[in-house]
Amino acid sequence: MDQVAVPGRKKTLYFVTWLVALLATGGINPVTALSLPLFPAGLAVAFDGASYGAFSVGAIVVGWILYLVHGVAILRTRSGTLFWVLYAVFVAALLVNMHGCQRDLTNAAHIH
């Protein structure tokens, strides 16, 4: 039996990855932690190239829905190979999202 097929191990890996991504994005800073509900806007910033459209309610809701659907797929899969493929896509999305968040925070820091 594939070790990752054990539901507890998949959940642990999935949620620890989320925790690391959120903390790395700025979850330790109390001011930045307040903006964590806006986290999916980082995906829009990364793909759109401009932050002004990223913070629309629609973009944020769609981002959370994508993460939710993808998370359910990751946690429900029984195939070890499919799990790792979905997990790799998840990690890539988080990295792109984190980059978008950092880029937006950098741009916001230059506002006078």
N, C-alpha and C. Protein backbone atom coordinates (compact mmCIF):
# COMPACT_ATOMS: atom_id res chain seq x y z
N MET A 1 0.84 -1.19 0.00
CA MET A 1 0.00 0.00 0.00
C MET A 1 0.88 1.25 0.00
N ASP A 2 0.51 2.18 -0.83
CA ASP A 2 1.26 3.43 -0.92
C ASP A 2 1.12 4.23 0.37
N GLN A 3 2.22 4.67 0.95
CA GLN A 3 2.20 5.38 2.22
C GLN A 3 1.37 6.65 2.20
N VAL A 4 1.38 7.36 1.06
CA VAL A 4 0.66 8.62 1.00
C VAL A 4 -0.84 8.39 0.88
N ALA A 5 -1.25 7.17 0.52
CA ALA A 5 -2.67 6.88 0.40
C ALA A 5 -3.37 6.85 1.75
N VAL A 6 -2.60 6.80 2.82
CA VAL A 6 -3.18 6.84 4.17
C VAL A 6 -3.76 8.23 4.38
N PRO A 7 -5.09 8.34 4.60
CA PRO A 7 -5.73 9.66 4.68
C PRO A 7 -5.08 10.62 5.68
N GLY A 8 -4.67 10.15 6.83
CA GLY A 8 -4.05 11.03 7.83
C GLY A 8 -2.77 11.65 7.33
N ARG A 9 -2.00 10.91 6.58
CA ARG A 9 -0.74 11.45 6.05
C ARG A 9 -1.00 12.50 4.98
N LYS A 10 -1.99 12.27 4.14
CA LYS A 10 -2.33 13.25 3.11
C LYS A 10 -2.82 14.54 3.76
N LYS A 11 -3.70 14.41 4.74
CA LYS A 11 -4.22 15.60 5.42
C LYS A 11 -3.11 16.37 6.10
N THR A 12 -2.23 15.67 6.78
CA THR A 12 -1.12 16.33 7.48
C THR A 12 -0.25 17.09 6.49
N LEU A 13 0.15 16.43 5.41
CA LEU A 13 1.00 17.07 4.41
C LEU A 13 0.30 18.27 3.79
N TYR A 14 -0.97 18.12 3.47
CA TYR A 14 -1.74 19.19 2.84
C TYR A 14 -1.85 20.40 3.76
N PHE A 15 -2.25 20.18 5.01
CA PHE A 15 -2.47 21.31 5.91
C PHE A 15 -1.16 21.93 6.40
N VAL A 16 -0.12 21.15 6.54
CA VAL A 16 1.19 21.72 6.90
C VAL A 16 1.70 22.58 5.74
N THR A 17 1.48 22.15 4.51
CA THR A 17 1.89 22.94 3.36
C THR A 17 1.15 24.28 3.33
N TRP A 18 -0.16 24.25 3.62
CA TRP A 18 -0.94 25.50 3.72
C TRP A 18 -0.36 26.40 4.80
N LEU A 19 -0.09 25.83 5.96
CA LEU A 19 0.43 26.62 7.08
C LEU A 19 1.76 27.28 6.73
N VAL A 20 2.65 26.52 6.14
CA VAL A 20 3.96 27.07 5.75
C VAL A 20 3.78 28.20 4.74
N ALA A 21 2.91 28.00 3.76
CA ALA A 21 2.69 29.03 2.73
C ALA A 21 2.12 30.30 3.35
N LEU A 22 1.14 30.16 4.22
CA LEU A 22 0.53 31.34 4.83
C LEU A 22 1.49 32.07 5.76
N LEU A 23 2.26 31.31 6.53
CA LEU A 23 3.25 31.94 7.41
C LEU A 23 4.36 32.61 6.60
N ALA A 24 4.77 31.97 5.52
CA ALA A 24 5.82 32.55 4.69
C ALA A 24 5.34 33.80 3.96
N THR A 25 4.05 33.89 3.73
CA THR A 25 3.50 35.06 3.05
C THR A 25 3.36 36.24 3.99
N GLY A 26 3.41 36.01 5.27
CA GLY A 26 3.34 37.11 6.21
C GLY A 26 2.38 36.89 7.35
N GLY A 27 2.00 35.66 7.58
CA GLY A 27 1.05 35.35 8.62
C GLY A 27 1.56 35.58 10.03
N ILE A 28 2.85 35.79 10.20
CA ILE A 28 3.41 36.03 11.54
C ILE A 28 3.16 37.48 11.95
N ASN A 29 3.18 38.38 11.00
CA ASN A 29 2.94 39.79 11.26
C ASN A 29 1.44 40.00 11.48
N PRO A 30 1.03 40.52 12.65
CA PRO A 30 -0.41 40.68 12.92
C PRO A 30 -1.15 41.53 11.89
N VAL A 31 -0.50 42.56 11.37
CA VAL A 31 -1.16 43.41 10.37
C VAL A 31 -1.36 42.63 9.08
N THR A 32 -0.34 41.91 8.65
CA THR A 32 -0.45 41.12 7.43
C THR A 32 -1.40 39.95 7.63
N ALA A 33 -1.44 39.39 8.83
CA ALA A 33 -2.33 38.26 9.10
C ALA A 33 -3.79 38.65 8.86
N LEU A 34 -4.13 39.89 9.07
CA LEU A 34 -5.50 40.35 8.83
C LEU A 34 -5.87 40.27 7.35
N SER A 35 -4.87 40.30 6.49
CA SER A 35 -5.15 40.26 5.05
C SER A 35 -5.13 38.83 4.49
N LEU A 36 -4.94 37.82 5.32
CA LEU A 36 -4.89 36.44 4.81
C LEU A 36 -6.16 36.01 4.08
N PRO A 37 -7.35 36.51 4.44
CA PRO A 37 -8.52 36.15 3.62
C PRO A 37 -8.39 36.59 2.17
N LEU A 38 -7.53 37.56 1.91
CA LEU A 38 -7.30 38.05 0.55
C LEU A 38 -6.23 37.24 -0.19
N PHE A 39 -5.70 36.20 0.45
CA PHE A 39 -4.58 35.43 -0.07
C PHE A 39 -4.72 35.04 -1.54
N PRO A 40 -5.88 34.54 -2.02
CA PRO A 40 -5.96 34.16 -3.43
C PRO A 40 -5.77 35.31 -4.41
N ALA A 41 -5.85 36.54 -3.93
CA ALA A 41 -5.60 37.68 -4.82
C ALA A 41 -4.18 37.61 -5.37
N GLY A 42 -3.28 36.96 -4.66
CA GLY A 42 -1.91 36.80 -5.14
C GLY A 42 -1.84 36.07 -6.47
N LEU A 43 -2.76 35.11 -6.68
CA LEU A 43 -2.81 34.41 -7.97
C LEU A 43 -3.18 35.39 -9.08
N ALA A 44 -4.18 36.22 -8.82
CA ALA A 44 -4.61 37.19 -9.82
C ALA A 44 -3.50 38.20 -10.11
N VAL A 45 -2.80 38.64 -9.07
CA VAL A 45 -1.70 39.59 -9.25
C VAL A 45 -0.61 38.95 -10.11
N ALA A 46 -0.31 37.68 -9.84
CA ALA A 46 0.75 37.00 -10.57
C ALA A 46 0.40 36.84 -12.04
N PHE A 47 -0.87 36.57 -12.34
CA PHE A 47 -1.27 36.34 -13.73
C PHE A 47 -1.70 37.60 -14.45
N ASP A 48 -2.29 38.54 -13.71
CA ASP A 48 -2.81 39.76 -14.32
C ASP A 48 -1.70 40.79 -14.53
N GLY A 49 -0.75 40.83 -13.62
CA GLY A 49 0.33 41.79 -13.72
C GLY A 49 0.02 43.11 -13.05
N ALA A 50 -1.22 43.32 -12.66
CA ALA A 50 -1.60 44.55 -11.97
C ALA A 50 -2.45 44.18 -10.77
N SER A 51 -2.24 44.87 -9.69
CA SER A 51 -2.96 44.49 -8.47
C SER A 51 -4.35 45.09 -8.38
N TYR A 52 -4.66 46.09 -9.20
CA TYR A 52 -5.94 46.77 -9.04
C TYR A 52 -7.14 45.86 -9.28
N GLY A 53 -7.06 44.90 -10.17
CA GLY A 53 -8.18 43.99 -10.42
C GLY A 53 -8.16 42.76 -9.54
N ALA A 54 -7.04 42.54 -8.87
CA ALA A 54 -6.87 41.32 -8.10
C ALA A 54 -7.72 41.31 -6.83
N PHE A 55 -8.02 42.47 -6.32
CA PHE A 55 -8.72 42.52 -5.05
C PHE A 55 -10.23 42.63 -5.21
N SER A 56 -10.73 42.31 -6.39
CA SER A 56 -12.18 42.28 -6.56
C SER A 56 -12.71 41.07 -5.79
N VAL A 57 -13.90 41.19 -5.29
CA VAL A 57 -14.50 40.09 -4.54
C VAL A 57 -14.57 38.84 -5.40
N GLY A 58 -14.89 39.03 -6.67
CA GLY A 58 -14.99 37.88 -7.58
C GLY A 58 -13.69 37.11 -7.70
N ALA A 59 -12.58 37.83 -7.86
CA ALA A 59 -11.28 37.17 -8.00
C ALA A 59 -10.92 36.40 -6.73
N ILE A 60 -11.21 36.98 -5.59
CA ILE A 60 -10.88 36.33 -4.31
C ILE A 60 -11.76 35.10 -4.10
N VAL A 61 -13.06 35.23 -4.37
CA VAL A 61 -13.98 34.10 -4.20
C VAL A 61 -13.61 32.96 -5.15
N VAL A 62 -13.34 33.29 -6.41
CA VAL A 62 -12.95 32.26 -7.38
C VAL A 62 -11.66 31.59 -6.92
N GLY A 63 -10.71 32.36 -6.42
CA GLY A 63 -9.45 31.77 -5.92
C GLY A 63 -9.68 30.79 -4.80
N TRP A 64 -10.52 31.16 -3.83
CA TRP A 64 -10.81 30.25 -2.71
C TRP A 64 -11.55 29.01 -3.20
N ILE A 65 -12.47 29.18 -4.16
CA ILE A 65 -13.20 28.03 -4.70
C ILE A 65 -12.24 27.07 -5.40
N LEU A 66 -11.30 27.63 -6.18
CA LEU A 66 -10.30 26.78 -6.84
C LEU A 66 -9.46 26.01 -5.82
N TYR A 67 -9.02 26.71 -4.78
CA TYR A 67 -8.24 26.02 -3.74
C TYR A 67 -9.08 24.95 -3.04
N LEU A 68 -10.35 25.24 -2.78
CA LEU A 68 -11.23 24.27 -2.12
C LEU A 68 -11.45 23.03 -2.99
N VAL A 69 -11.80 23.22 -4.24
CA VAL A 69 -12.04 22.09 -5.15
C VAL A 69 -10.77 21.27 -5.32
N HIS A 70 -9.66 21.96 -5.49
CA HIS A 70 -8.39 21.24 -5.65
C HIS A 70 -8.01 20.49 -4.37
N GLY A 71 -8.26 21.10 -3.22
CA GLY A 71 -7.97 20.45 -1.95
C GLY A 71 -8.81 19.20 -1.75
N VAL A 72 -10.08 19.28 -2.09
CA VAL A 72 -10.95 18.09 -1.99
C VAL A 72 -10.42 16.99 -2.90
N ALA A 73 -10.02 17.35 -4.11
CA ALA A 73 -9.48 16.35 -5.04
C ALA A 73 -8.22 15.70 -4.47
N ILE A 74 -7.34 16.50 -3.88
CA ILE A 74 -6.12 15.97 -3.29
C ILE A 74 -6.44 15.00 -2.17
N LEU A 75 -7.33 15.40 -1.29
CA LEU A 75 -7.61 14.59 -0.10
C LEU A 75 -8.46 13.36 -0.42
N ARG A 76 -9.20 13.36 -1.51
CA ARG A 76 -10.06 12.23 -1.85
C ARG A 76 -9.38 11.20 -2.75
N THR A 77 -8.30 11.57 -3.40
CA THR A 77 -7.67 10.63 -4.33
C THR A 77 -7.13 9.41 -3.58
N ARG A 78 -7.23 8.28 -4.24
CA ARG A 78 -6.74 7.03 -3.64
C ARG A 78 -5.44 6.57 -4.30
N SER A 79 -5.11 7.19 -5.42
CA SER A 79 -3.90 6.84 -6.14
C SER A 79 -2.73 7.68 -5.65
N GLY A 80 -1.65 7.02 -5.31
CA GLY A 80 -0.46 7.73 -4.87
C GLY A 80 0.11 8.62 -5.96
N THR A 81 0.12 8.12 -7.20
CA THR A 81 0.65 8.89 -8.32
C THR A 81 -0.20 10.14 -8.56
N LEU A 82 -1.52 9.97 -8.58
CA LEU A 82 -2.41 11.11 -8.79
C LEU A 82 -2.29 12.11 -7.64
N PHE A 83 -2.14 11.60 -6.43
CA PHE A 83 -1.96 12.49 -5.29
C PHE A 83 -0.75 13.37 -5.51
N TRP A 84 0.40 12.79 -5.90
CA TRP A 84 1.62 13.57 -6.06
C TRP A 84 1.52 14.57 -7.21
N VAL A 85 0.81 14.21 -8.27
CA VAL A 85 0.60 15.15 -9.38
C VAL A 85 -0.25 16.33 -8.89
N LEU A 86 -1.36 16.03 -8.21
CA LEU A 86 -2.22 17.10 -7.70
C LEU A 86 -1.49 17.94 -6.64
N TYR A 87 -0.70 17.28 -5.82
CA TYR A 87 0.06 17.99 -4.80
C TYR A 87 1.09 18.93 -5.44
N ALA A 88 1.74 18.48 -6.50
CA ALA A 88 2.71 19.33 -7.20
C ALA A 88 2.03 20.56 -7.80
N VAL A 89 0.83 20.38 -8.36
CA VAL A 89 0.08 21.52 -8.90
C VAL A 89 -0.29 22.47 -7.76
N PHE A 90 -0.69 21.91 -6.63
CA PHE A 90 -1.04 22.70 -5.44
C PHE A 90 0.15 23.53 -4.97
N VAL A 91 1.31 22.91 -4.85
CA VAL A 91 2.51 23.62 -4.41
C VAL A 91 2.89 24.70 -5.42
N ALA A 92 2.79 24.38 -6.70
CA ALA A 92 3.11 25.38 -7.73
C ALA A 92 2.15 26.57 -7.63
N ALA A 93 0.85 26.30 -7.43
CA ALA A 93 -0.12 27.38 -7.28
C ALA A 93 0.19 28.23 -6.06
N LEU A 94 0.55 27.59 -4.95
CA LEU A 94 0.90 28.34 -3.74
C LEU A 94 2.13 29.21 -3.97
N LEU A 95 3.13 28.68 -4.66
CA LEU A 95 4.34 29.46 -4.92
C LEU A 95 4.03 30.68 -5.80
N VAL A 96 3.22 30.47 -6.83
CA VAL A 96 2.81 31.59 -7.69
C VAL A 96 2.01 32.59 -6.87
N ASN A 97 1.10 32.08 -6.04
CA ASN A 97 0.27 32.93 -5.19
C ASN A 97 1.14 33.74 -4.22
N MET A 98 2.10 33.09 -3.60
CA MET A 98 2.99 33.77 -2.65
C MET A 98 3.79 34.85 -3.36
N HIS A 99 4.26 34.55 -4.56
CA HIS A 99 5.01 35.54 -5.34
C HIS A 99 4.12 36.76 -5.63
N GLY A 100 2.87 36.50 -6.03
CA GLY A 100 1.94 37.59 -6.30
C GLY A 100 1.68 38.43 -5.06
N CYS A 101 1.53 37.77 -3.91
CA CYS A 101 1.31 38.50 -2.66
C CYS A 101 2.52 39.36 -2.31
N GLN A 102 3.70 38.79 -2.43
CA GLN A 102 4.92 39.55 -2.12
C GLN A 102 5.08 40.73 -3.06
N ARG A 103 4.79 40.51 -4.33
CA ARG A 103 4.88 41.60 -5.31
C ARG A 103 3.91 42.72 -4.97
N ASP A 104 2.69 42.34 -4.58
CA ASP A 104 1.70 43.34 -4.24
C ASP A 104 2.08 44.08 -2.96
N LEU A 105 2.59 43.35 -1.96
CA LEU A 105 3.02 43.99 -0.72
C LEU A 105 4.17 44.94 -0.98
N THR A 106 5.07 44.57 -1.87
CA THR A 106 6.19 45.44 -2.23
C THR A 106 5.68 46.71 -2.90
N ASN A 107 4.72 46.55 -3.81
CA ASN A 107 4.14 47.72 -4.49
C ASN A 107 3.43 48.61 -3.49
N ALA A 108 2.71 48.02 -2.55
CA ALA A 108 1.98 48.81 -1.54
C ALA A 108 2.95 49.57 -0.63
N ALA A 109 4.11 49.00 -0.37
CA ALA A 109 5.09 49.64 0.50
C ALA A 109 5.65 50.92 -0.12
N HIS A 110 5.56 51.02 -1.44
CA HIS A 110 6.09 52.21 -2.11
C HIS A 110 5.06 53.31 -2.29
N ILE A 111 3.87 53.12 -1.77
CA ILE A 111 2.84 54.16 -1.85
C ILE A 111 3.14 55.21 -0.79
N HIS A 112 3.15 56.44 -1.19
CA HIS A 112 3.42 57.54 -0.23
C HIS A 112 2.23 58.41 -0.08
